[in-house]
Amino acid sequence: LSQREIEVLQGVIQRLRNREIAEKLGIEAGTVKRHLENIYAKLGVSGRAEARLLFQNVLPGRST
C-alpha cells in the first residue's frame, strides 16, 4: 500500500467516514473513495469491515 492508502486505512480502522478521513487528510471525499477501492483490490477484501479486521492490530491508530 502507498503511504496515502495507509493513512486512509488508519481512518477506516478508527471508524471514520469518508468525509471525516478527507477532512483529516486535506483531500476530497471522492479521493478517499478511490483510495479505498485501490486498498480493497490490493488486499483482496470486499469492504471496510474486512479491511479493518485485517489491519486493526497491525497499523497504529486502531480502535480497541
N, C-alpha and C. Protein backbone atom coordinates (compact mmCIF):
# COMPACT_ATOMS: atom_id res chain seq x y z
N LEU A 1 0.84 -1.19 0.00
CA LEU A 1 0.00 0.00 0.00
C LEU A 1 0.88 1.25 0.00
N SER A 2 0.38 2.29 -0.64
CA SER A 2 1.11 3.55 -0.62
C SER A 2 0.95 4.21 0.76
N GLN A 3 1.78 5.19 1.01
CA GLN A 3 1.69 5.91 2.29
C GLN A 3 0.29 6.52 2.46
N ARG A 4 -0.26 7.11 1.41
CA ARG A 4 -1.59 7.73 1.50
C ARG A 4 -2.66 6.67 1.74
N GLU A 5 -2.54 5.52 1.09
CA GLU A 5 -3.51 4.45 1.32
C GLU A 5 -3.45 3.97 2.77
N ILE A 6 -2.28 3.90 3.34
CA ILE A 6 -2.14 3.53 4.75
C ILE A 6 -2.83 4.57 5.63
N GLU A 7 -2.66 5.84 5.31
CA GLU A 7 -3.31 6.90 6.09
C GLU A 7 -4.83 6.79 6.00
N VAL A 8 -5.34 6.49 4.82
CA VAL A 8 -6.79 6.30 4.65
C VAL A 8 -7.24 5.08 5.44
N LEU A 9 -6.49 4.00 5.37
CA LEU A 9 -6.84 2.79 6.10
C LEU A 9 -6.84 3.02 7.61
N GLN A 10 -5.93 3.86 8.10
CA GLN A 10 -5.94 4.20 9.52
C GLN A 10 -7.25 4.88 9.89
N GLY A 11 -7.76 5.73 9.02
CA GLY A 11 -9.06 6.36 9.26
C GLY A 11 -10.18 5.33 9.31
N VAL A 12 -10.12 4.35 8.42
CA VAL A 12 -11.12 3.28 8.41
C VAL A 12 -11.06 2.51 9.73
N ILE A 13 -9.86 2.21 10.19
CA ILE A 13 -9.68 1.48 11.45
C ILE A 13 -10.26 2.28 12.61
N GLN A 14 -10.16 3.61 12.54
CA GLN A 14 -10.71 4.49 13.58
C GLN A 14 -12.21 4.69 13.40
N ARG A 15 -12.79 4.02 12.41
CA ARG A 15 -14.22 4.07 12.11
C ARG A 15 -14.69 5.45 11.67
N LEU A 16 -13.81 6.18 10.99
CA LEU A 16 -14.17 7.48 10.44
C LEU A 16 -14.91 7.28 9.11
N ARG A 17 -15.80 8.21 8.80
CA ARG A 17 -16.47 8.20 7.50
C ARG A 17 -15.54 8.80 6.45
N ASN A 18 -15.85 8.56 5.19
CA ASN A 18 -15.00 9.09 4.11
C ASN A 18 -14.80 10.59 4.25
N ARG A 19 -15.87 11.31 4.55
CA ARG A 19 -15.80 12.76 4.69
C ARG A 19 -14.84 13.15 5.81
N GLU A 20 -14.89 12.42 6.91
CA GLU A 20 -14.01 12.71 8.05
C GLU A 20 -12.55 12.40 7.72
N ILE A 21 -12.33 11.30 7.02
CA ILE A 21 -10.97 10.96 6.59
C ILE A 21 -10.44 12.05 5.66
N ALA A 22 -11.29 12.48 4.73
CA ALA A 22 -10.90 13.52 3.78
C ALA A 22 -10.51 14.81 4.50
N GLU A 23 -11.32 15.23 5.46
CA GLU A 23 -11.02 16.45 6.21
C GLU A 23 -9.71 16.31 6.97
N LYS A 24 -9.50 15.17 7.58
CA LYS A 24 -8.28 14.93 8.35
C LYS A 24 -7.04 14.98 7.47
N LEU A 25 -7.15 14.47 6.24
CA LEU A 25 -6.00 14.38 5.34
C LEU A 25 -5.90 15.56 4.38
N GLY A 26 -6.92 16.42 4.36
CA GLY A 26 -6.89 17.57 3.46
C GLY A 26 -7.10 17.20 2.00
N ILE A 27 -7.94 16.18 1.77
CA ILE A 27 -8.25 15.75 0.41
C ILE A 27 -9.76 15.68 0.25
N GLU A 28 -10.22 15.42 -0.96
CA GLU A 28 -11.65 15.32 -1.25
C GLU A 28 -12.18 13.94 -0.87
N ALA A 29 -13.47 13.87 -0.51
CA ALA A 29 -14.09 12.60 -0.16
C ALA A 29 -14.04 11.62 -1.33
N GLY A 30 -14.16 12.12 -2.55
CA GLY A 30 -14.06 11.26 -3.73
C GLY A 30 -12.68 10.62 -3.87
N THR A 31 -11.67 11.36 -3.46
CA THR A 31 -10.30 10.82 -3.48
C THR A 31 -10.17 9.70 -2.46
N VAL A 32 -10.78 9.88 -1.30
CA VAL A 32 -10.78 8.83 -0.28
C VAL A 32 -11.44 7.58 -0.85
N LYS A 33 -12.57 7.76 -1.52
CA LYS A 33 -13.28 6.62 -2.11
C LYS A 33 -12.39 5.87 -3.10
N ARG A 34 -11.67 6.61 -3.95
CA ARG A 34 -10.77 5.96 -4.91
C ARG A 34 -9.63 5.22 -4.20
N HIS A 35 -9.09 5.83 -3.16
CA HIS A 35 -8.05 5.15 -2.38
C HIS A 35 -8.60 3.86 -1.78
N LEU A 36 -9.82 3.92 -1.26
CA LEU A 36 -10.42 2.72 -0.67
C LEU A 36 -10.61 1.62 -1.71
N GLU A 37 -11.05 1.99 -2.90
CA GLU A 37 -11.21 0.99 -3.96
C GLU A 37 -9.87 0.32 -4.27
N ASN A 38 -8.81 1.12 -4.31
CA ASN A 38 -7.47 0.56 -4.55
C ASN A 38 -7.03 -0.34 -3.40
N ILE A 39 -7.30 0.09 -2.17
CA ILE A 39 -6.95 -0.69 -0.98
C ILE A 39 -7.65 -2.04 -1.02
N TYR A 40 -8.96 -2.03 -1.27
CA TYR A 40 -9.73 -3.28 -1.31
C TYR A 40 -9.17 -4.23 -2.37
N ALA A 41 -8.85 -3.69 -3.54
CA ALA A 41 -8.31 -4.53 -4.62
C ALA A 41 -6.96 -5.12 -4.22
N LYS A 42 -6.10 -4.30 -3.65
CA LYS A 42 -4.76 -4.77 -3.27
C LYS A 42 -4.82 -5.82 -2.16
N LEU A 43 -5.76 -5.65 -1.22
CA LEU A 43 -5.87 -6.57 -0.09
C LEU A 43 -6.75 -7.78 -0.39
N GLY A 44 -7.51 -7.72 -1.46
CA GLY A 44 -8.42 -8.81 -1.79
C GLY A 44 -9.60 -8.89 -0.84
N VAL A 45 -10.07 -7.72 -0.39
CA VAL A 45 -11.22 -7.67 0.50
C VAL A 45 -12.36 -6.95 -0.21
N SER A 46 -13.57 -7.09 0.35
CA SER A 46 -14.74 -6.53 -0.33
C SER A 46 -15.24 -5.23 0.30
N GLY A 47 -14.67 -4.83 1.42
CA GLY A 47 -15.17 -3.60 2.02
C GLY A 47 -14.44 -3.20 3.28
N ARG A 48 -14.97 -2.15 3.92
CA ARG A 48 -14.36 -1.54 5.10
C ARG A 48 -14.18 -2.54 6.24
N ALA A 49 -15.23 -3.31 6.50
CA ALA A 49 -15.19 -4.21 7.66
C ALA A 49 -14.07 -5.24 7.51
N GLU A 50 -13.94 -5.81 6.33
CA GLU A 50 -12.87 -6.79 6.11
C GLU A 50 -11.50 -6.16 6.22
N ALA A 51 -11.35 -4.98 5.64
CA ALA A 51 -10.06 -4.28 5.70
C ALA A 51 -9.72 -3.94 7.14
N ARG A 52 -10.71 -3.48 7.90
CA ARG A 52 -10.50 -3.13 9.30
C ARG A 52 -10.08 -4.36 10.10
N LEU A 53 -10.77 -5.47 9.90
CA LEU A 53 -10.44 -6.70 10.63
C LEU A 53 -9.03 -7.17 10.30
N LEU A 54 -8.65 -7.03 9.05
CA LEU A 54 -7.33 -7.48 8.61
C LEU A 54 -6.21 -6.66 9.24
N PHE A 55 -6.43 -5.35 9.40
CA PHE A 55 -5.33 -4.47 9.80
C PHE A 55 -5.49 -3.80 11.16
N GLN A 56 -6.56 -4.04 11.89
CA GLN A 56 -6.77 -3.30 13.13
C GLN A 56 -5.69 -3.57 14.17
N ASN A 57 -5.02 -4.69 14.10
CA ASN A 57 -3.96 -4.98 15.06
C ASN A 57 -2.56 -4.76 14.49
N VAL A 58 -2.49 -4.23 13.26
CA VAL A 58 -1.21 -4.04 12.59
C VAL A 58 -0.82 -2.57 12.54
N LEU A 59 -1.77 -1.71 12.18
CA LEU A 59 -1.49 -0.29 11.99
C LEU A 59 -1.74 0.51 13.25
N PRO A 60 -0.96 1.55 13.50
CA PRO A 60 -1.23 2.42 14.64
C PRO A 60 -2.53 3.19 14.42
N GLY A 61 -3.11 3.67 15.50
CA GLY A 61 -4.34 4.44 15.41
C GLY A 61 -5.57 3.58 15.37
N ARG A 62 -5.43 2.34 15.80
CA ARG A 62 -6.56 1.43 15.75
C ARG A 62 -7.50 1.67 16.92
N SER A 63 -8.76 1.31 16.70
CA SER A 63 -9.73 1.39 17.79
C SER A 63 -9.66 0.10 18.58
N THR A 64 -10.02 0.16 19.85
CA THR A 64 -9.97 -1.04 20.68
C THR A 64 -11.34 -1.41 21.17
